[in-house]
Amino acid sequence: MGNVHVVTGGGSGIGKAIATMLPKEDTVIITGRTLAKLEKTAASINESGAHVVATTCDVSKRSDVKKLAEYAASLGEVKKVFHCAGVSGTMADRETIMRINALGTVYVNQEFYKVMNGGVICDTASNSGYILPKIMMPSKKIFSLAISDEEQFVKKMAKKAKLLKDESANVQFAYMMSKNFARWYSANCTFKYMVTKGIRVFSVSPGYVKTPMTEKEEGEGTENLLSYTGLFRGAEPEEIAFLMTSLADERCGYFMGADVLVDGGCVNNSYSILTAAKKYDKKSLKENWLSLIHISEPTRHAQIS
């Protein structure tokens, strides 16, 4: 049996691009929740001589992830796991977002830790995890409940995200918090995973990526977001996939325990500058946060200069 690589959320977008870039001589497992979509993706990649296998997995269910890890190990030595599965802030309610994006990261890391000896786990966070001011973020004490009490974790995280009367905004807050957690949890796996099993763990935080999922959400908010990137556009899935597969290469063996923010400079060119320009208390942050991300282009340049 040869090497096996696993890509959650591999049916489209970044996950599909990663599966396309992995060695054709190895077995690549792509997962998601819709088998027909996965099989179509696998067939298209296999036309180039690759060996991609499709199987379903709901990462919000530990039992599904456990079966996936065991299945992958039965096909060979699991070398690389790219955890790309997740939902956006328009696809689910606050608790569901926490179960998929946050607990899903816990399940993938923990279950693959059990079957791997060496190799790489690359978790996918988001630049959204950097955007929400720290004063509005859950405490690390709440984050740690993901290890000791999953149900309390979900409830407290969802409650923490209820910052405004506008529930659509609260769901976006939940998404941001879930991705901030994913980055935190990935980093906290690093020492144990390397020392005990020789597994490198790190995360990548993409900005807006042009995928079938995000294209449905385009609008004024997206345009404002992209106006803060150096390229004034979203990333192609292949651009993010190349970064992730490159970092997972054995020649990057010293890289672990860190997150790579790859968002065209969006966070560092906009939100951090704007929020640092004023001092806010918790109450005013709740009231003004939404307006911060909808500042017009002329106003933005005036504030920065």
C-alpha atoms as a PDB file:
ATOM      1  CA  MET A   1       0.000   0.000   0.000  1.00  0.00           C
ATOM      2  CA  GLY A   2       1.209   3.500  -0.837  1.00  0.00           C
ATOM      3  CA  ASN A   3       0.670   7.001   0.478  1.00  0.00           C
ATOM      4  CA  VAL A   4      -2.815   8.336   1.156  1.00  0.00           C
ATOM      5  CA  HIS A   5      -3.902  11.980   1.313  1.00  0.00           C
ATOM      6  CA  VAL A   6      -7.290  13.203   2.519  1.00  0.00           C
ATOM      7  CA  VAL A   7      -9.113  16.383   1.506  1.00  0.00           C
ATOM      8  CA  THR A   8     -12.304  17.254   3.370  1.00  0.00           C
ATOM      9  CA  GLY A   9     -14.582  19.527   1.377  1.00  0.00           C
ATOM     10  CA  GLY A  10     -12.920  18.157  -1.743  1.00  0.00           C
ATOM     11  CA  GLY A  11     -15.874  18.348  -4.102  1.00  0.00           C
ATOM     12  CA  SER A  12     -15.242  21.905  -5.240  1.00  0.00           C
ATOM     13  CA  GLY A  13     -13.324  25.103  -4.543  1.00  0.00           C
ATOM     14  CA  ILE A  14     -10.033  24.942  -2.655  1.00  0.00           C
ATOM     15  CA  GLY A  15     -10.448  21.278  -1.787  1.00  0.00           C
ATOM     16  CA  LYS A  16     -10.902  20.259  -5.404  1.00  0.00           C
ATOM     17  CA  ALA A  17      -7.875  22.331  -6.433  1.00  0.00           C
ATOM     18  CA  ILE A  18      -5.759  20.635  -3.748  1.00  0.00           C
ATOM     19  CA  ALA A  19      -6.831  17.168  -4.887  1.00  0.00           C
ATOM     20  CA  THR A  20      -5.795  18.086  -8.422  1.00  0.00           C
ATOM     21  CA  MET A  21      -2.303  19.122  -7.266  1.00  0.00           C
ATOM     22  CA  LEU A  22      -1.458  16.091  -5.132  1.00  0.00           C
ATOM     23  CA  PRO A  23       0.826  13.343  -6.554  1.00  0.00           C
ATOM     24  CA  LYS A  24      -0.956  11.201  -9.135  1.00  0.00           C
ATOM     25  CA  GLU A  25       0.803   8.060  -7.920  1.00  0.00           C
ATOM     26  CA  ASP A  26      -0.766   8.427  -4.458  1.00  0.00           C
ATOM     27  CA  THR A  27      -4.330   7.747  -3.358  1.00  0.00           C
ATOM     28  CA  VAL A  28      -6.343  10.891  -2.669  1.00  0.00           C
ATOM     29  CA  ILE A  29      -9.617  10.701  -0.770  1.00  0.00           C
ATOM     30  CA  ILE A  30     -12.028  13.601  -1.230  1.00  0.00           C
ATOM     31  CA  THR A  31     -14.962  13.966   1.118  1.00  0.00           C
ATOM     32  CA  GLY A  32     -18.105  16.021   1.502  1.00  0.00           C
ATOM     33  CA  ARG A  33     -21.780  15.451   2.099  1.00  0.00           C
ATOM     34  CA  THR A  34     -22.992  14.894  -1.483  1.00  0.00           C
ATOM     35  CA  LEU A  35     -21.665  11.706  -3.069  1.00  0.00           C
ATOM     36  CA  ALA A  36     -22.755  12.483  -6.631  1.00  0.00           C
ATOM     37  CA  LYS A  37     -20.845  15.780  -6.581  1.00  0.00           C
ATOM     38  CA  LEU A  38     -17.746  14.079  -5.146  1.00  0.00           C
ATOM     39  CA  GLU A  39     -17.839  11.284  -7.695  1.00  0.00           C
ATOM     40  CA  LYS A  40     -18.096  13.782 -10.536  1.00  0.00           C
ATOM     41  CA  THR A  41     -15.069  15.659  -9.200  1.00  0.00           C
ATOM     42  CA  ALA A  42     -13.092  12.443  -8.725  1.00  0.00           C
ATOM     43  CA  ALA A  43     -13.866  11.284 -12.253  1.00  0.00           C
ATOM     44  CA  SER A  44     -12.735  14.581 -13.781  1.00  0.00           C
ATOM     45  CA  ILE A  45      -9.412  14.528 -11.890  1.00  0.00           C
ATOM     46  CA  ASN A  46      -8.834  10.854 -12.633  1.00  0.00           C
ATOM     47  CA  GLU A  47      -8.919  11.573 -16.355  1.00  0.00           C
ATOM     48  CA  SER A  48      -5.350  12.857 -15.930  1.00  0.00           C
ATOM     49  CA  GLY A  49      -4.182   9.537 -14.493  1.00  0.00           C
ATOM     50  CA  ALA A  50      -4.717  10.375 -10.823  1.00  0.00           C
ATOM     51  CA  HIS A  51      -6.217   8.037  -8.240  1.00  0.00           C
ATOM     52  CA  VAL A  52      -8.926  10.017  -6.450  1.00  0.00           C
ATOM     53  CA  VAL A  53     -11.547   8.220  -4.364  1.00  0.00           C
ATOM     54  CA  ALA A  54     -14.815   9.832  -3.272  1.00  0.00           C
ATOM     55  CA  THR A  55     -16.598   9.148   0.003  1.00  0.00           C
ATOM     56  CA  THR A  56     -19.097  11.057   2.140  1.00  0.00           C
ATOM     57  CA  CYS A  57     -18.318  12.535   5.540  1.00  0.00           C
ATOM     58  CA  ASP A  58     -20.128  15.047   7.728  1.00  0.00           C
ATOM     59  CA  VAL A  59     -17.328  16.593   9.760  1.00  0.00           C
ATOM     60  CA  SER A  60     -19.786  17.780  12.417  1.00  0.00           C
ATOM     61  CA  LYS A  61     -20.222  14.120  13.414  1.00  0.00           C
ATOM     62  CA  ARG A  62     -17.274  12.495  15.158  1.00  0.00           C
ATOM     63  CA  SER A  63     -18.486   9.046  14.104  1.00  0.00           C
ATOM     64  CA  ASP A  64     -18.261  10.054  10.432  1.00  0.00           C
ATOM     65  CA  VAL A  65     -14.754  11.455  10.850  1.00  0.00           C
ATOM     66  CA  LYS A  66     -13.632   8.361  12.757  1.00  0.00           C
ATOM     67  CA  LYS A  67     -14.845   6.135   9.910  1.00  0.00           C
ATOM     68  CA  LEU A  68     -13.100   8.356   7.390  1.00  0.00           C
ATOM     69  CA  ALA A  69      -9.784   8.180   9.257  1.00  0.00           C
ATOM     70  CA  GLU A  70     -10.008   4.399   9.578  1.00  0.00           C
ATOM     71  CA  TYR A  71     -10.933   4.042   5.908  1.00  0.00           C
ATOM     72  CA  ALA A  72      -7.997   6.195   4.856  1.00  0.00           C
ATOM     73  CA  ALA A  73      -5.617   4.133   7.003  1.00  0.00           C
ATOM     74  CA  SER A  74      -6.930   0.937   5.438  1.00  0.00           C
ATOM     75  CA  LEU A  75      -5.807   2.149   2.003  1.00  0.00           C
ATOM     76  CA  GLY A  76      -2.225   2.964   2.979  1.00  0.00           C
ATOM     77  CA  GLU A  77      -0.128   5.323   5.076  1.00  0.00           C
ATOM     78  CA  VAL A  78      -1.962   8.582   5.689  1.00  0.00           C
ATOM     79  CA  LYS A  79       0.526  11.329   4.902  1.00  0.00           C
ATOM     80  CA  LYS A  80      -1.397  14.571   4.399  1.00  0.00           C
ATOM     81  CA  VAL A  81      -4.779  15.769   5.605  1.00  0.00           C
ATOM     82  CA  PHE A  82      -6.209  19.013   4.247  1.00  0.00           C
ATOM     83  CA  HIS A  83      -9.259  20.014   6.240  1.00  0.00           C
ATOM     84  CA  CYS A  84     -11.217  22.338   3.940  1.00  0.00           C
ATOM     85  CA  ALA A  85     -14.816  21.452   4.816  1.00  0.00           C
ATOM     86  CA  GLY A  86     -16.905  24.208   6.324  1.00  0.00           C
ATOM     87  CA  VAL A  87     -19.907  26.478   5.938  1.00  0.00           C
ATOM     88  CA  SER A  88     -20.134  30.232   5.505  1.00  0.00           C
ATOM     89  CA  GLY A  89     -22.088  32.734   7.547  1.00  0.00           C
ATOM     90  CA  THR A  90     -25.055  32.530   5.173  1.00  0.00           C
ATOM     91  CA  MET A  91     -25.447  28.760   5.110  1.00  0.00           C
ATOM     92  CA  ALA A  92     -26.471  27.834   8.659  1.00  0.00           C
ATOM     93  CA  ASP A  93     -27.487  29.061  12.105  1.00  0.00           C
ATOM     94  CA  ARG A  94     -25.029  29.937  14.871  1.00  0.00           C
ATOM     95  CA  GLU A  95     -24.938  26.506  16.538  1.00  0.00           C
ATOM     96  CA  THR A  96     -24.607  24.606  13.260  1.00  0.00           C
ATOM     97  CA  ILE A  97     -21.706  26.828  12.233  1.00  0.00           C
ATOM     98  CA  MET A  98     -19.948  25.990  15.501  1.00  0.00           C
ATOM     99  CA  ARG A  99     -20.519  22.270  15.052  1.00  0.00           C
ATOM    100  CA  ILE A 100     -19.202  22.200  11.482  1.00  0.00           C
ATOM    101  CA  ASN A 101     -16.431  24.802  11.479  1.00  0.00           C
ATOM    102  CA  ALA A 102     -15.194  24.550  15.053  1.00  0.00           C
ATOM    103  CA  LEU A 103     -15.938  21.037  16.316  1.00  0.00           C
ATOM    104  CA  GLY A 104     -15.301  19.714  12.809  1.00  0.00           C
ATOM    105  CA  THR A 105     -11.703  20.895  13.148  1.00  0.00           C
ATOM    106  CA  VAL A 106     -11.427  19.172  16.531  1.00  0.00           C
ATOM    107  CA  TYR A 107     -12.780  15.893  15.144  1.00  0.00           C
ATOM    108  CA  VAL A 108     -10.568  15.870  12.053  1.00  0.00           C
ATOM    109  CA  ASN A 109      -7.402  16.592  14.010  1.00  0.00           C
ATOM    110  CA  GLN A 110      -8.151  14.164  16.824  1.00  0.00           C
ATOM    111  CA  GLU A 111      -9.290  11.221  14.705  1.00  0.00           C
ATOM    112  CA  PHE A 112      -6.484  11.475  12.160  1.00  0.00           C
ATOM    113  CA  TYR A 113      -3.962  11.855  14.975  1.00  0.00           C
ATOM    114  CA  LYS A 114      -4.946   8.314  15.995  1.00  0.00           C
ATOM    115  CA  VAL A 115      -4.135   6.754  12.603  1.00  0.00           C
ATOM    116  CA  MET A 116      -1.128   8.799  11.458  1.00  0.00           C
ATOM    117  CA  ASN A 117       2.573   8.376  12.106  1.00  0.00           C
ATOM    118  CA  GLY A 118       4.289  11.443  10.758  1.00  0.00           C
ATOM    119  CA  GLY A 119       2.778  13.515   8.003  1.00  0.00           C
ATOM    120  CA  VAL A 120       0.865  16.789   7.932  1.00  0.00           C
ATOM    121  CA  ILE A 121      -2.502  18.151   9.021  1.00  0.00           C
ATOM    122  CA  CYS A 122      -3.409  21.481   7.415  1.00  0.00           C
ATOM    123  CA  ASP A 123      -6.503  23.145   8.867  1.00  0.00           C
ATOM    124  CA  THR A 124      -8.426  25.860   7.039  1.00  0.00           C
ATOM    125  CA  ALA A 125      -9.358  28.934   9.048  1.00  0.00           C
ATOM    126  CA  SER A 126     -10.245  32.314   7.488  1.00  0.00           C
ATOM    127  CA  ASN A 127      -9.218  35.936   7.474  1.00  0.00           C
ATOM    128  CA  SER A 128     -12.633  36.472   9.092  1.00  0.00           C
ATOM    129  CA  GLY A 129     -11.081  35.068  12.236  1.00  0.00           C
ATOM    130  CA  TYR A 130      -8.855  38.143  12.368  1.00  0.00           C
ATOM    131  CA  ILE A 131     -11.517  40.762  11.731  1.00  0.00           C
ATOM    132  CA  LEU A 132     -13.656  40.769  14.854  1.00  0.00           C
ATOM    133  CA  PRO A 133     -12.079  42.944  17.597  1.00  0.00           C
ATOM    134  CA  LYS A 134     -10.598  40.918  20.461  1.00  0.00           C
ATOM    135  CA  ILE A 135     -12.917  42.514  22.984  1.00  0.00           C
ATOM    136  CA  MET A 136     -15.838  40.843  21.157  1.00  0.00           C
ATOM    137  CA  MET A 137     -14.212  37.396  20.904  1.00  0.00           C
ATOM    138  CA  PRO A 138     -14.979  34.463  23.229  1.00  0.00           C
ATOM    139  CA  SER A 139     -12.426  33.790  25.934  1.00  0.00           C
ATOM    140  CA  LYS A 140      -9.915  30.961  25.682  1.00  0.00           C
ATOM    141  CA  LYS A 141     -11.777  29.422  28.614  1.00  0.00           C
ATOM    142  CA  ILE A 142     -14.796  29.018  26.351  1.00  0.00           C
ATOM    143  CA  PHE A 143     -12.584  27.705  23.552  1.00  0.00           C
ATOM    144  CA  SER A 144     -11.204  25.018  25.865  1.00  0.00           C
ATOM    145  CA  LEU A 145     -14.701  23.634  26.416  1.00  0.00           C
ATOM    146  CA  ALA A 146     -14.400  22.077  22.944  1.00  0.00           C
ATOM    147  CA  ILE A 147     -12.129  19.525  24.596  1.00  0.00           C
ATOM    148  CA  SER A 148     -13.972  18.976  27.862  1.00  0.00           C
ATOM    149  CA  ASP A 149     -17.657  19.650  27.143  1.00  0.00           C
ATOM    150  CA  GLU A 150     -18.673  19.927  23.493  1.00  0.00           C
ATOM    151  CA  GLU A 151     -22.323  20.795  24.098  1.00  0.00           C
ATOM    152  CA  GLN A 152     -21.455  23.626  26.486  1.00  0.00           C
ATOM    153  CA  PHE A 153     -18.879  24.826  23.980  1.00  0.00           C
ATOM    154  CA  VAL A 154     -21.465  25.073  21.212  1.00  0.00           C
ATOM    155  CA  LYS A 155     -24.031  26.796  23.438  1.00  0.00           C
ATOM    156  CA  LYS A 156     -21.607  29.328  24.905  1.00  0.00           C
ATOM    157  CA  MET A 157     -20.021  30.122  21.536  1.00  0.00           C
ATOM    158  CA  ALA A 158     -23.425  30.607  19.914  1.00  0.00           C
ATOM    159  CA  LYS A 159     -24.538  32.815  22.809  1.00  0.00           C
ATOM    160  CA  LYS A 160     -21.345  34.885  22.599  1.00  0.00           C
ATOM    161  CA  ALA A 161     -22.080  35.519  18.907  1.00  0.00           C
ATOM    162  CA  LYS A 162     -25.453  37.093  19.709  1.00  0.00           C
ATOM    163  CA  LEU A 163     -24.161  40.647  19.771  1.00  0.00           C
ATOM    164  CA  LEU A 164     -26.839  42.542  17.850  1.00  0.00           C
ATOM    165  CA  LYS A 165     -30.585  42.441  17.265  1.00  0.00           C
ATOM    166  CA  ASP A 166     -29.886  41.618  13.622  1.00  0.00           C
ATOM    167  CA  GLU A 167     -29.621  37.820  13.553  1.00  0.00           C
ATOM    168  CA  SER A 168     -28.019  37.781  10.100  1.00  0.00           C
ATOM    169  CA  ALA A 169     -25.159  39.805  11.591  1.00  0.00           C
ATOM    170  CA  ASN A 170     -24.955  37.465  14.579  1.00  0.00           C
ATOM    171  CA  VAL A 171     -24.563  34.501  12.254  1.00  0.00           C
ATOM    172  CA  GLN A 172     -21.647  36.284  10.608  1.00  0.00           C
ATOM    173  CA  PHE A 173     -20.140  36.861  14.049  1.00  0.00           C
ATOM    174  CA  ALA A 174     -20.528  33.137  14.743  1.00  0.00           C
ATOM    175  CA  TYR A 175     -18.656  32.358  11.539  1.00  0.00           C
ATOM    176  CA  MET A 176     -15.816  34.684  12.506  1.00  0.00           C
ATOM    177  CA  MET A 177     -15.602  33.186  15.982  1.00  0.00           C
ATOM    178  CA  SER A 178     -15.629  29.631  14.607  1.00  0.00           C
ATOM    179  CA  LYS A 179     -12.703  30.417  12.315  1.00  0.00           C
ATOM    180  CA  ASN A 180     -10.773  32.173  15.056  1.00  0.00           C
ATOM    181  CA  PHE A 181     -11.262  29.023  17.123  1.00  0.00           C
ATOM    182  CA  ALA A 182     -10.063  26.809  14.251  1.00  0.00           C
ATOM    183  CA  ARG A 183      -6.823  28.771  14.099  1.00  0.00           C
ATOM    184  CA  TRP A 184      -6.401  28.608  17.884  1.00  0.00           C
ATOM    185  CA  TYR A 185      -7.110  24.888  18.090  1.00  0.00           C
ATOM    186  CA  SER A 186      -4.784  24.052  15.205  1.00  0.00           C
ATOM    187  CA  ALA A 187      -1.934  25.904  16.896  1.00  0.00           C
ATOM    188  CA  ASN A 188      -2.609  24.174  20.198  1.00  0.00           C
ATOM    189  CA  CYS A 189      -2.322  20.739  18.589  1.00  0.00           C
ATOM    190  CA  THR A 190       1.172  21.425  17.307  1.00  0.00           C
ATOM    191  CA  PHE A 191       3.444  20.468  20.189  1.00  0.00           C
ATOM    192  CA  LYS A 192       1.653  17.275  21.209  1.00  0.00           C
ATOM    193  CA  TYR A 193       1.180  16.047  17.655  1.00  0.00           C
ATOM    194  CA  MET A 194       4.810  16.592  16.691  1.00  0.00           C
ATOM    195  CA  VAL A 195       6.403  15.257  19.881  1.00  0.00           C
ATOM    196  CA  THR A 196       4.241  12.140  20.154  1.00  0.00           C
ATOM    197  CA  LYS A 197       3.542  11.238  16.521  1.00  0.00           C
ATOM    198  CA  GLY A 198       5.781  13.415  14.335  1.00  0.00           C
ATOM    199  CA  ILE A 199       2.770  15.126  12.750  1.00  0.00           C
ATOM    200  CA  ARG A 200       3.152  18.712  11.544  1.00  0.00           C
ATOM    201  CA  VAL A 201       0.075  20.850  12.166  1.00  0.00           C
ATOM    202  CA  PHE A 202      -0.606  24.331  10.846  1.00  0.00           C
ATOM    203  CA  SER A 203      -3.454  26.392   9.448  1.00  0.00           C
ATOM    204  CA  VAL A 204      -4.123  28.719   6.538  1.00  0.00           C
ATOM    205  CA  SER A 205      -6.534  31.661   6.632  1.00  0.00           C
ATOM    206  CA  PRO A 206      -7.767  32.575   3.144  1.00  0.00           C
ATOM    207  CA  GLY A 207      -9.645  35.737   2.356  1.00  0.00           C
ATOM    208  CA  TYR A 208     -12.407  35.817  -0.230  1.00  0.00           C
ATOM    209  CA  VAL A 209     -11.960  32.927  -2.671  1.00  0.00           C
ATOM    210  CA  LYS A 210     -13.939  32.629  -5.898  1.00  0.00           C
ATOM    211  CA  THR A 211     -15.855  29.366  -5.492  1.00  0.00           C
ATOM    212  CA  PRO A 212     -19.402  28.235  -6.331  1.00  0.00           C
ATOM    213  CA  MET A 213     -20.324  28.828  -2.681  1.00  0.00           C
ATOM    214  CA  THR A 214     -18.990  32.378  -2.401  1.00  0.00           C
ATOM    215  CA  GLU A 215     -20.237  33.462  -5.818  1.00  0.00           C
ATOM    216  CA  LYS A 216     -23.791  33.077  -4.501  1.00  0.00           C
ATOM    217  CA  GLU A 217     -22.997  35.554  -1.742  1.00  0.00           C
ATOM    218  CA  GLU A 218     -21.502  38.354  -3.821  1.00  0.00           C
ATOM    219  CA  GLY A 219     -22.857  41.827  -3.218  1.00  0.00           C
ATOM    220  CA  GLU A 220     -21.974  45.191  -1.759  1.00  0.00           C
ATOM    221  CA  GLY A 221     -20.291  43.614   1.262  1.00  0.00           C
ATOM    222  CA  THR A 222     -18.014  41.547  -0.953  1.00  0.00           C
ATOM    223  CA  GLU A 223     -17.147  44.545  -3.102  1.00  0.00           C
ATOM    224  CA  ASN A 224     -16.198  46.537  -0.009  1.00  0.00           C
ATOM    225  CA  LEU A 225     -14.080  43.655   1.259  1.00  0.00           C
ATOM    226  CA  LEU A 226     -12.214  43.277  -2.031  1.00  0.00           C
ATOM    227  CA  SER A 227     -11.586  47.022  -2.229  1.00  0.00           C
ATOM    228  CA  TYR A 228      -9.115  46.547   0.619  1.00  0.00           C
ATOM    229  CA  THR A 229      -7.027  43.913  -1.182  1.00  0.00           C
ATOM    230  CA  GLY A 230      -3.933  44.897  -3.092  1.00  0.00           C
ATOM    231  CA  LEU A 231      -5.282  43.213  -6.223  1.00  0.00           C
ATOM    232  CA  PHE A 232      -8.907  44.367  -5.892  1.00  0.00           C
ATOM    233  CA  ARG A 233     -10.130  40.820  -6.520  1.00  0.00           C
ATOM    234  CA  GLY A 234     -10.774  37.542  -4.787  1.00  0.00           C
ATOM    235  CA  ALA A 235      -8.356  34.624  -4.889  1.00  0.00           C
ATOM    236  CA  GLU A 236      -8.594  31.753  -7.326  1.00  0.00           C
ATOM    237  CA  PRO A 237      -8.939  28.384  -5.552  1.00  0.00           C
ATOM    238  CA  GLU A 238      -5.706  27.260  -7.205  1.00  0.00           C
ATOM    239  CA  GLU A 239      -3.775  30.124  -5.597  1.00  0.00           C
ATOM    240  CA  ILE A 240      -4.767  29.025  -2.104  1.00  0.00           C
ATOM    241  CA  ALA A 241      -4.337  25.335  -2.948  1.00  0.00           C
ATOM    242  CA  PHE A 242      -0.790  25.896  -4.194  1.00  0.00           C
ATOM    243  CA  LEU A 243       0.136  27.618  -0.941  1.00  0.00           C
ATOM    244  CA  MET A 244      -1.372  24.843   1.179  1.00  0.00           C
ATOM    245  CA  THR A 245       0.223  21.992  -0.753  1.00  0.00           C
ATOM    246  CA  SER A 246       3.558  23.821  -0.760  1.00  0.00           C
ATOM    247  CA  LEU A 247       3.503  24.260   3.017  1.00  0.00           C
ATOM    248  CA  ALA A 248       2.633  20.572   3.353  1.00  0.00           C
ATOM    249  CA  ASP A 249       5.697  19.597   1.317  1.00  0.00           C
ATOM    250  CA  GLU A 250       8.386  17.764   3.284  1.00  0.00           C
ATOM    251  CA  ARG A 251      10.848  20.524   2.422  1.00  0.00           C
ATOM    252  CA  CYS A 252       8.841  22.827   4.714  1.00  0.00           C
ATOM    253  CA  GLY A 253       9.501  20.471   7.603  1.00  0.00           C
ATOM    254  CA  TYR A 254      10.255  23.220  10.129  1.00  0.00           C
ATOM    255  CA  PHE A 255       6.983  25.029   9.523  1.00  0.00           C
ATOM    256  CA  MET A 256       4.308  24.213  12.089  1.00  0.00           C
ATOM    257  CA  GLY A 257       2.124  25.747  14.773  1.00  0.00           C
ATOM    258  CA  ALA A 258       1.440  28.914  12.800  1.00  0.00           C
ATOM    259  CA  ASP A 259      -1.316  30.355  10.659  1.00  0.00           C
ATOM    260  CA  VAL A 260      -0.702  31.856   7.237  1.00  0.00           C
ATOM    261  CA  LEU A 261      -3.002  34.767   6.407  1.00  0.00           C
ATOM    262  CA  VAL A 262      -3.492  34.832   2.634  1.00  0.00           C
ATOM    263  CA  ASP A 263      -6.116  37.446   1.807  1.00  0.00           C
ATOM    264  CA  GLY A 264      -4.490  39.878  -0.598  1.00  0.00           C
ATOM    265  CA  GLY A 265      -3.513  42.081   2.320  1.00  0.00           C
ATOM    266  CA  CYS A 266      -7.157  42.734   3.200  1.00  0.00           C
ATOM    267  CA  VAL A 267      -6.954  42.523   6.991  1.00  0.00           C
ATOM    268  CA  ASN A 268      -3.672  44.342   7.370  1.00  0.00           C
ATOM    269  CA  ASN A 269      -4.590  46.958   4.765  1.00  0.00           C
ATOM    270  CA  SER A 270      -7.979  47.864   6.145  1.00  0.00           C
ATOM    271  CA  TYR A 271      -9.692  46.577   9.222  1.00  0.00           C
ATOM    272  CA  SER A 272      -6.671  46.685  11.512  1.00  0.00           C
ATOM    273  CA  ILE A 273      -5.885  50.240  10.420  1.00  0.00           C
ATOM    274  CA  LEU A 274      -9.451  51.447  10.772  1.00  0.00           C
ATOM    275  CA  THR A 275     -10.103  49.893  14.166  1.00  0.00           C
ATOM    276  CA  ALA A 276      -6.724  51.077  15.505  1.00  0.00           C
ATOM    277  CA  ALA A 277      -7.554  54.655  14.530  1.00  0.00           C
ATOM    278  CA  LYS A 278     -10.203  54.898  17.246  1.00  0.00           C
ATOM    279  CA  LYS A 279     -10.707  53.589  20.743  1.00  0.00           C
ATOM    280  CA  TYR A 280     -13.934  51.734  21.367  1.00  0.00           C
ATOM    281  CA  ASP A 281     -15.489  50.251  24.437  1.00  0.00           C
ATOM    282  CA  LYS A 282     -17.504  47.043  24.189  1.00  0.00           C
ATOM    283  CA  LYS A 283     -20.868  48.787  23.834  1.00  0.00           C
ATOM    284  CA  SER A 284     -19.813  51.111  21.022  1.00  0.00           C
ATOM    285  CA  LEU A 285     -18.064  48.253  19.204  1.00  0.00           C
ATOM    286  CA  LYS A 286     -21.321  46.337  19.088  1.00  0.00           C
ATOM    287  CA  GLU A 287     -23.120  49.388  17.712  1.00  0.00           C
ATOM    288  CA  ASN A 288     -20.491  50.495  15.223  1.00  0.00           C
ATOM    289  CA  TRP A 289     -18.815  47.303  14.020  1.00  0.00           C
ATOM    290  CA  LEU A 290     -21.035  46.808  10.979  1.00  0.00           C
ATOM    291  CA  SER A 291     -20.427  50.357   9.801  1.00  0.00           C
ATOM    292  CA  LEU A 292     -16.683  49.836  10.101  1.00  0.00           C
ATOM    293  CA  ILE A 293     -16.716  47.288   7.308  1.00  0.00           C
ATOM    294  CA  HIS A 294     -18.863  49.390   5.000  1.00  0.00           C
ATOM    295  CA  ILE A 295     -16.734  52.530   4.881  1.00  0.00           C
ATOM    296  CA  SER A 296     -16.655  53.975   1.395  1.00  0.00           C
ATOM    297  CA  GLU A 297     -13.477  53.979  -0.660  1.00  0.00           C
ATOM    298  CA  PRO A 298     -12.834  57.762  -0.424  1.00  0.00           C
ATOM    299  CA  THR A 299     -13.364  57.710   3.351  1.00  0.00           C
ATOM    300  CA  ARG A 300     -11.008  54.773   3.715  1.00  0.00           C
ATOM    301  CA  HIS A 301      -8.193  56.543   1.887  1.00  0.00           C
ATOM    302  CA  ALA A 302      -8.786  59.715   3.871  1.00  0.00           C
ATOM    303  CA  GLN A 303      -8.501  57.861   7.179  1.00  0.00           C
ATOM    304  CA  ILE A 304      -5.413  55.922   6.193  1.00  0.00           C
ATOM    305  CA  SER A 305      -3.574  58.958   4.878  1.00  0.00           C
END
